[in-house]
Protein backbone atom coordinates (compact mmCIF):
# COMPACT_ATOMS: atom_id res chain seq x y z
CA UNK A 1 -77.22 -239.36 -29.85
CA UNK A 2 -74.50 -241.43 -28.20
CA UNK A 3 -70.86 -240.40 -28.28
CA UNK A 4 -67.98 -242.80 -28.91
CA UNK A 5 -65.70 -241.31 -26.28
CA UNK A 6 -64.37 -238.14 -24.77
CA UNK A 7 -62.11 -237.38 -27.73
CA UNK A 8 -64.97 -237.60 -30.22
CA UNK A 9 -67.21 -235.57 -27.95
CA UNK A 10 -64.59 -232.86 -27.62
CA UNK A 11 -64.10 -232.66 -31.38
CA UNK A 12 -67.85 -232.55 -31.99
CA UNK A 13 -68.37 -229.79 -29.45
CA UNK A 14 -65.48 -227.83 -30.94
CA UNK A 15 -66.98 -228.20 -34.42
CA UNK A 16 -70.43 -227.09 -33.31
CA UNK A 17 -69.00 -224.21 -31.29
CA UNK A 18 -67.08 -223.00 -34.33
CA UNK A 19 -70.20 -223.41 -36.47
CA UNK A 20 -72.21 -221.33 -34.02
CA UNK A 21 -69.50 -218.67 -33.84
CA UNK A 22 -69.48 -218.39 -37.63
CA UNK A 23 -73.28 -218.05 -37.70
CA UNK A 24 -73.17 -215.38 -35.00
CA UNK A 25 -70.54 -213.48 -36.95
CA UNK A 26 -72.68 -213.72 -40.08
CA UNK A 27 -75.75 -212.43 -38.26
CA UNK A 28 -73.68 -209.69 -36.67
CA UNK A 29 -72.48 -208.61 -40.10
CA UNK A 30 -76.03 -208.56 -41.44
CA UNK A 31 -77.32 -206.69 -38.41
CA UNK A 32 -79.83 -209.41 -37.51
CA UNK A 33 -80.49 -209.68 -33.77
CA UNK A 34 -83.96 -211.18 -33.69
CA UNK A 35 -83.27 -214.80 -34.64
CA UNK A 36 -80.38 -217.17 -34.16
CA UNK A 37 -81.22 -220.41 -35.90
CA UNK A 38 -78.45 -222.93 -35.61
CA UNK A 39 -78.99 -226.69 -35.56
CA UNK A 40 -76.34 -227.25 -32.91
CA UNK A 41 -77.91 -224.97 -30.31
CA UNK A 42 -79.69 -227.71 -28.38
CA UNK A 43 -76.35 -229.38 -27.74
CA UNK A 44 -74.94 -226.06 -26.52
CA UNK A 45 -77.56 -225.19 -23.90
CA UNK A 46 -75.76 -224.14 -20.73
CA UNK A 47 -76.36 -225.45 -17.24
CA UNK A 48 -78.28 -223.06 -15.01
CA UNK A 49 -78.24 -223.11 -11.21
CA UNK A 50 -80.23 -220.86 -8.89
CA UNK A 51 -78.63 -219.73 -5.65
CA UNK A 52 -81.04 -220.33 -2.78
CA UNK A 53 -80.76 -217.40 -0.33
CA UNK A 54 -82.78 -219.36 2.24
CA UNK A 55 -79.58 -221.37 2.75
CA UNK A 56 -76.70 -219.10 1.69
CA UNK A 57 -76.24 -215.76 -0.04
CA UNK A 58 -74.73 -215.23 -3.49
CA UNK A 59 -71.33 -213.89 -2.26
CA UNK A 60 -70.75 -217.06 -0.21
CA UNK A 61 -71.47 -219.24 -3.25
CA UNK A 62 -69.22 -217.17 -5.50
CA UNK A 63 -66.35 -217.34 -3.01
CA UNK A 64 -66.66 -221.10 -2.75
CA UNK A 65 -66.76 -221.52 -6.53
CA UNK A 66 -63.69 -219.32 -6.89
CA UNK A 67 -61.89 -221.46 -4.30
CA UNK A 68 -62.73 -224.45 -6.48
CA UNK A 69 -61.10 -222.85 -9.51
CA UNK A 70 -64.10 -221.18 -11.14
CA UNK A 71 -63.85 -217.76 -12.75
CA UNK A 72 -67.06 -215.79 -12.24
CA UNK A 73 -68.15 -212.80 -14.30
CA UNK A 74 -71.23 -210.64 -13.87
CA UNK A 75 -73.06 -209.81 -17.10
CA UNK A 76 -74.56 -206.34 -17.42
CA UNK A 77 -78.31 -206.04 -16.91
CA UNK A 78 -78.94 -204.37 -20.26
CA UNK A 79 -76.62 -206.55 -22.33
CA UNK A 80 -77.74 -206.73 -26.01
CA UNK A 81 -79.37 -210.09 -26.87
CA UNK A 82 -76.85 -210.99 -29.56
CA UNK A 83 -73.87 -210.27 -27.31
CA UNK A 84 -75.49 -212.31 -24.53
CA UNK A 85 -75.97 -215.30 -26.83
CA UNK A 86 -72.44 -215.02 -28.12
CA UNK A 87 -70.93 -215.00 -24.62
CA UNK A 88 -73.06 -217.90 -23.41
CA UNK A 89 -72.32 -219.97 -26.53
CA UNK A 90 -68.58 -219.48 -26.00
CA UNK A 91 -68.60 -220.18 -22.26
CA UNK A 92 -65.50 -222.24 -21.44
CA UNK A 93 -64.93 -224.88 -18.72
CA UNK A 94 -64.48 -223.52 -15.18
CA UNK A 95 -65.99 -220.19 -16.20
CA UNK A 96 -69.48 -219.06 -15.25
CA UNK A 97 -71.63 -215.96 -15.50
CA UNK A 98 -74.06 -214.27 -13.16
CA UNK A 99 -77.23 -214.08 -15.23
CA UNK A 100 -78.21 -210.55 -16.31
CA UNK A 101 -81.96 -211.14 -16.12
CA UNK A 102 -82.74 -213.39 -13.13
CA UNK A 103 -81.42 -212.52 -9.68
CA UNK A 104 -79.24 -215.21 -8.05
CA UNK A 105 -79.01 -217.30 -11.23
CA UNK A 106 -75.67 -218.68 -12.43
CA UNK A 107 -74.81 -219.84 -15.95
CA UNK A 108 -72.35 -222.72 -16.28
CA UNK A 109 -70.87 -224.20 -19.47
CA UNK A 110 -72.82 -226.80 -21.40
CA UNK A 111 -72.24 -230.29 -20.02
CA UNK A 112 -71.31 -229.15 -16.51
CA UNK A 113 -72.48 -231.86 -14.10
CA UNK A 114 -73.36 -230.35 -10.74
CA UNK A 115 -75.64 -233.08 -9.43
CA UNK A 116 -73.06 -234.30 -6.90
CA UNK A 117 -71.77 -230.84 -5.99
CA UNK A 118 -71.90 -230.18 -2.27
CA UNK A 119 -73.90 -226.97 -2.77
CA UNK A 120 -76.56 -228.84 -4.75
CA UNK A 121 -76.83 -231.59 -2.14
CA UNK A 122 -77.18 -228.97 0.59
CA UNK A 123 -79.94 -227.13 -1.27
CA UNK A 124 -77.79 -224.02 -1.66
CA UNK A 125 -77.73 -224.40 -5.45
CA UNK A 126 -80.91 -225.54 -7.19
CA UNK A 127 -80.55 -226.88 -10.72
CA UNK A 128 -83.30 -225.08 -12.61
CA UNK A 129 -83.53 -223.95 -16.22
CA UNK A 130 -83.49 -220.20 -16.70
CA UNK A 131 -86.91 -220.08 -18.37
CA UNK A 132 -88.41 -221.93 -15.41
CA UNK A 133 -87.13 -219.18 -13.09
CA UNK A 134 -89.07 -216.44 -14.84
CA UNK A 135 -92.59 -217.21 -13.45
CA UNK A 136 -91.72 -216.70 -9.78
CA UNK A 137 -89.29 -213.88 -10.59
CA UNK A 138 -91.95 -211.98 -12.56
CA UNK A 139 -94.73 -212.66 -10.05
CA UNK A 140 -92.41 -210.97 -7.54
CA UNK A 141 -94.44 -211.39 -4.33
CA UNK A 142 -93.26 -209.24 -1.45
CA UNK A 143 -92.16 -210.77 1.88
CA UNK A 144 -95.21 -211.29 4.06
CA UNK A 145 -97.52 -211.88 1.09
CA UNK A 146 -100.08 -214.66 0.69
CA UNK A 147 -99.46 -216.56 -2.54
CA UNK A 148 -101.13 -219.47 -4.32
CA UNK A 149 -99.23 -221.93 -6.54
CA UNK A 150 -102.11 -223.80 -8.12
CA UNK A 151 -100.27 -226.70 -9.81
CA UNK A 152 -97.15 -226.64 -7.69
CA UNK A 153 -95.34 -229.98 -7.85
CA UNK A 154 -92.51 -230.84 -8.05
CA UNK A 155 -91.71 -227.51 -6.40
CA UNK A 156 -88.99 -225.66 -8.29
CA UNK A 157 -91.09 -222.54 -8.72
CA UNK A 158 -92.67 -222.90 -5.27
CA UNK A 159 -89.31 -222.88 -3.49
CA UNK A 160 -88.25 -219.97 -5.69
CA UNK A 161 -91.31 -218.05 -4.47
CA UNK A 162 -90.38 -218.82 -0.87
CA UNK A 163 -86.88 -217.48 -1.50
CA UNK A 164 -88.21 -214.27 -3.04
CA UNK A 165 -90.50 -213.87 -0.02
CA UNK A 166 -87.59 -214.48 2.38
CA UNK A 167 -89.64 -217.16 4.16
CA UNK A 168 -92.15 -214.54 5.29
CA UNK A 169 -95.84 -214.94 4.48
CA UNK A 170 -97.54 -218.09 3.21
CA UNK A 171 -97.66 -220.10 0.00
CA UNK A 172 -100.66 -222.35 -0.61
CA UNK A 173 -99.36 -225.10 -2.90
CA UNK A 174 -101.83 -227.44 -4.59
CA UNK A 175 -101.29 -230.49 -6.76
CA UNK A 176 -103.53 -233.45 -7.47
CA UNK A 177 -100.64 -235.93 -7.84
CA UNK A 178 -99.65 -237.28 -4.42
CA UNK A 179 -96.32 -238.67 -5.60
CA UNK A 180 -95.28 -235.37 -7.17
CA UNK A 181 -96.47 -233.49 -4.10
CA UNK A 182 -94.16 -235.61 -1.95
CA UNK A 183 -91.31 -234.45 -4.18
CA UNK A 184 -92.38 -230.87 -3.46
CA UNK A 185 -92.31 -231.52 0.28
CA UNK A 186 -88.82 -233.04 0.06
CA UNK A 187 -87.57 -230.18 -2.09
CA UNK A 188 -89.09 -227.63 0.29
CA UNK A 189 -87.34 -229.23 3.25
CA UNK A 190 -83.98 -229.36 1.47
CA UNK A 191 -84.38 -225.72 0.37
CA UNK A 192 -85.38 -224.57 3.88
CA UNK A 193 -88.63 -223.19 2.43
CA UNK A 194 -90.76 -223.11 5.57
CA UNK A 195 -93.79 -221.09 4.41
CA UNK A 196 -95.21 -223.64 1.97
CA UNK A 197 -98.52 -225.26 2.91
CA UNK A 198 -98.93 -228.19 0.51
CA UNK A 199 -102.21 -229.97 -0.15
CA UNK A 200 -103.00 -232.86 -2.48
CA UNK A 201 -106.09 -231.68 -4.33
CA UNK A 202 -107.24 -230.83 -7.84
CA UNK A 203 -107.15 -227.04 -7.95
CA UNK A 204 -110.46 -226.96 -9.81
CA UNK A 205 -112.02 -228.41 -6.64
CA UNK A 206 -110.58 -225.65 -4.43
CA UNK A 207 -113.06 -223.06 -3.14
CA UNK A 208 -111.08 -219.94 -4.05
CA UNK A 209 -113.53 -217.69 -2.19
CA UNK A 210 -112.09 -219.00 1.09
CA UNK A 211 -108.64 -217.60 0.29
CA UNK A 212 -109.40 -213.94 0.83
CA UNK A 213 -105.80 -213.07 1.78
CA UNK A 214 -104.22 -214.35 -1.45
CA UNK A 215 -103.03 -211.48 -3.66
CA UNK A 216 -100.56 -213.35 -5.90
CA UNK A 217 -101.05 -216.53 -7.92
CA UNK A 218 -98.79 -218.67 -10.06
CA UNK A 219 -100.54 -220.81 -12.68
CA UNK A 220 -98.22 -223.32 -14.33
CA UNK A 221 -100.75 -225.99 -15.37
CA UNK A 222 -100.21 -229.43 -16.91
CA UNK A 223 -99.02 -229.00 -20.48
CA UNK A 224 -97.59 -230.97 -23.39
CA UNK A 225 -94.00 -230.23 -22.36
CA UNK A 226 -93.19 -229.63 -26.02
CA UNK A 227 -90.65 -226.96 -25.09
CA UNK A 228 -88.50 -229.21 -22.95
CA UNK A 229 -85.04 -230.13 -24.19
CA UNK A 230 -84.49 -233.87 -23.88
CA UNK A 231 -81.23 -235.77 -24.31
CA UNK A 232 -79.54 -232.87 -26.00
CA UNK A 233 -82.24 -232.36 -28.60
CA UNK A 234 -85.36 -230.22 -28.65
CA UNK A 235 -88.72 -230.93 -30.22
CA UNK A 236 -88.85 -230.34 -33.95
CA UNK A 237 -90.76 -227.12 -34.60
CA UNK A 238 -92.36 -228.74 -37.62
CA UNK A 239 -93.34 -231.94 -35.84
CA UNK A 240 -97.12 -232.27 -35.90
CA UNK A 241 -98.51 -232.42 -32.36
CA UNK A 242 -101.40 -234.61 -31.30
CA UNK A 243 -104.19 -232.16 -32.11
CA UNK A 244 -106.82 -233.71 -29.85
CA UNK A 245 -104.45 -233.93 -26.90
CA UNK A 246 -103.36 -230.31 -27.34
CA UNK A 247 -106.98 -229.19 -27.57
CA UNK A 248 -107.83 -231.09 -24.40
CA UNK A 249 -104.86 -229.61 -22.56
CA UNK A 250 -105.71 -226.08 -23.72
CA UNK A 251 -109.27 -226.48 -22.42
CA UNK A 252 -107.95 -227.65 -19.04
CA UNK A 253 -105.41 -224.83 -18.90
CA UNK A 254 -108.07 -222.21 -19.61
CA UNK A 255 -110.31 -223.66 -16.90
CA UNK A 256 -107.50 -223.58 -14.34
CA UNK A 257 -106.50 -220.03 -15.28
CA UNK A 258 -110.08 -218.76 -15.10
CA UNK A 259 -110.56 -220.42 -11.72
CA UNK A 260 -107.42 -218.76 -10.34
CA UNK A 261 -108.53 -215.37 -11.64
CA UNK A 262 -111.63 -215.69 -9.45
CA UNK A 263 -109.57 -215.36 -6.26
CA UNK A 264 -111.40 -212.51 -4.51
CA UNK A 265 -108.35 -210.42 -3.50
CA UNK A 266 -106.04 -211.33 -6.37
CA UNK A 267 -103.82 -208.48 -7.61
CA UNK A 268 -101.26 -210.19 -9.84
CA UNK A 269 -101.10 -213.56 -11.62
CA UNK A 270 -98.46 -215.22 -13.78
CA UNK A 271 -99.49 -217.89 -16.30
CA UNK A 272 -96.72 -220.08 -17.70
CA UNK A 273 -96.16 -223.29 -19.65
CA UNK A 274 -93.15 -225.24 -20.88
CA UNK A 275 -94.92 -225.68 -24.22
CA UNK A 276 -94.21 -224.19 -27.64
CA UNK A 277 -97.75 -224.88 -28.88
CA UNK A 278 -99.74 -221.75 -29.66
CA UNK A 279 -103.01 -223.30 -28.47
CA UNK A 280 -101.61 -223.82 -24.96
CA UNK A 281 -100.13 -220.35 -24.78
CA UNK A 282 -101.51 -217.34 -26.64
CA UNK A 283 -104.61 -219.37 -27.49
CA UNK A 284 -105.43 -219.80 -23.80
CA UNK A 285 -104.86 -216.09 -23.12
CA UNK A 286 -107.30 -215.08 -25.87
CA UNK A 287 -109.93 -217.49 -24.56
CA UNK A 288 -109.62 -216.13 -21.02
CA UNK A 289 -109.76 -212.51 -22.18
CA UNK A 290 -113.03 -213.28 -23.97
CA UNK A 291 -114.58 -213.82 -20.54
CA UNK A 292 -116.15 -210.42 -19.84
CA UNK A 293 -116.19 -210.96 -16.08
CA UNK A 294 -112.43 -211.53 -16.13
CA UNK A 295 -111.51 -208.82 -18.63
CA UNK A 296 -113.53 -206.30 -16.60
CA UNK A 297 -111.39 -207.07 -13.54
CA UNK A 298 -107.98 -207.82 -15.03
CA UNK A 299 -105.69 -206.56 -17.76
CA UNK A 300 -102.77 -208.25 -19.46
CA UNK A 301 -99.55 -206.38 -18.68
CA UNK A 302 -96.21 -206.38 -20.43
CA UNK A 303 -94.09 -209.31 -19.29
CA UNK A 304 -90.46 -208.22 -18.80
CA UNK A 305 -89.93 -205.37 -21.25
CA UNK A 306 -86.22 -205.99 -21.83
CA UNK A 307 -86.89 -209.52 -23.13
CA UNK A 308 -87.04 -209.35 -26.93
CA UNK A 309 -88.64 -212.74 -27.64
CA UNK A 310 -92.37 -212.01 -27.54
CA UNK A 311 -95.61 -213.88 -28.12
CA UNK A 312 -96.92 -214.46 -31.62
CA UNK A 313 -100.12 -214.68 -33.63
CA UNK A 314 -101.10 -217.99 -35.12
CA UNK A 315 -101.11 -217.84 -38.93
CA UNK A 316 -104.73 -219.02 -38.87
CA UNK A 317 -105.83 -216.62 -36.11
CA UNK A 318 -109.38 -215.48 -36.71
CA UNK A 319 -111.27 -214.26 -33.67
CA UNK A 320 -114.12 -211.82 -34.22
CA UNK A 321 -113.76 -210.56 -30.64
CA UNK A 322 -110.33 -209.07 -31.33
CA UNK A 323 -109.17 -206.82 -34.14
CA UNK A 324 -105.80 -207.64 -35.64
CA UNK A 325 -104.30 -204.59 -33.93
CA UNK A 326 -105.73 -205.60 -30.55
CA UNK A 327 -104.56 -209.19 -31.01
CA UNK A 328 -101.05 -208.07 -31.93
CA UNK A 329 -100.92 -205.87 -28.85
CA UNK A 330 -101.99 -208.78 -26.66
CA UNK A 331 -99.35 -211.19 -27.93
CA UNK A 332 -96.66 -208.51 -27.74
CA UNK A 333 -97.27 -208.36 -23.99
CA UNK A 334 -96.53 -212.08 -23.65
CA UNK A 335 -93.02 -213.50 -23.63
CA UNK A 336 -91.56 -216.67 -25.05
CA UNK A 337 -88.24 -218.44 -24.61
CA UNK A 338 -86.68 -221.14 -26.77
CA UNK A 339 -83.47 -223.16 -27.19
CA UNK A 340 -82.78 -221.60 -30.57
CA UNK A 341 -83.12 -217.97 -29.55
CA UNK A 342 -82.59 -217.80 -25.80
CA UNK A 343 -80.52 -220.90 -24.85
CA UNK A 344 -83.30 -222.14 -22.54
CA UNK A 345 -86.11 -224.65 -22.65
CA UNK A 346 -89.16 -223.57 -24.62
CA UNK A 347 -91.42 -221.49 -22.39
CA UNK A 348 -94.35 -219.05 -22.42
CA UNK A 349 -95.38 -216.43 -19.85
CA UNK A 350 -98.27 -213.99 -19.53
CA UNK A 351 -99.07 -211.67 -16.63
CA UNK A 352 -102.47 -210.47 -15.43
CA UNK A 353 -102.97 -207.54 -13.06
CA UNK A 354 -106.10 -206.26 -11.39
CA UNK A 355 -107.51 -203.12 -12.98
CA UNK A 356 -108.46 -201.44 -9.72
CA UNK A 357 -106.03 -202.53 -7.03
CA UNK A 358 -108.05 -200.78 -4.34
CA UNK A 359 -110.91 -203.24 -4.69
């Protein structure tokens, strides 16, 4: 939606901010902390930027921002969800927060344009949505590890992995799109991520048995992108998706995930999508867990306990291989993120761990 000028934009933002504040107060009064459904939320999503420690450390970035007039506040790790949403919704110009969940992540006010900021151009700050930071953060590979990013381009998560590993170890990054892989190479260079070995190949054609040193894998396969905020608006929850396309994507996603879980020395794997479609998310997890060979080797573990927005059961769920209780336990271990509840793009994450890590 186009604006007719700065004055109109300011008035609109003020109106929506007041509307959101009133809704928060109402929910606070009622004691509701699970859902925050406000139409204006998409227009109030903050700007997130990840500090890249391969270039500079967080204290350096904070000092520079303060010199530029920014006020920086650190949010407590165990901040209640409602209080977190309230603070982020009311974030004022030239004020930013250190995110309470993701290390080295900064939260700036909605509408903050950092594209031309010197720290962004230098690769010190990487503009990346908070939800997109969770996969690498939750995979948490140790420095010196061997990691596989199976659908890596354009490289946001890959460079995040390199930062977490302190440029020690190796990341095998695959993508079948040569143009997108070139973006990954450019991003890696700008981020000083030197441990990424990129190859243009369809991951399903990779012989995983040759990668005996890989213990961590990140699977962020092609998806519908239905969770992505675009032009200040997010996809309508009630919009009917293209059923055949979603089914085709879900089949591909399950194939990629199963292939990654065949890595011979794999210990931990994170599966993620930027989709809100159940079939691409929980639906894929159920299909993979039906594979006896996989379920004998891996278990689904709880993804980030302190995150309250969990997976969900489809209203039409009917799988004879899982009791309702078992199915509910499975989805409760998955995590979701959304513009309406979490002030992020729509996202889904599930984590697999090897049953016997000594094998």
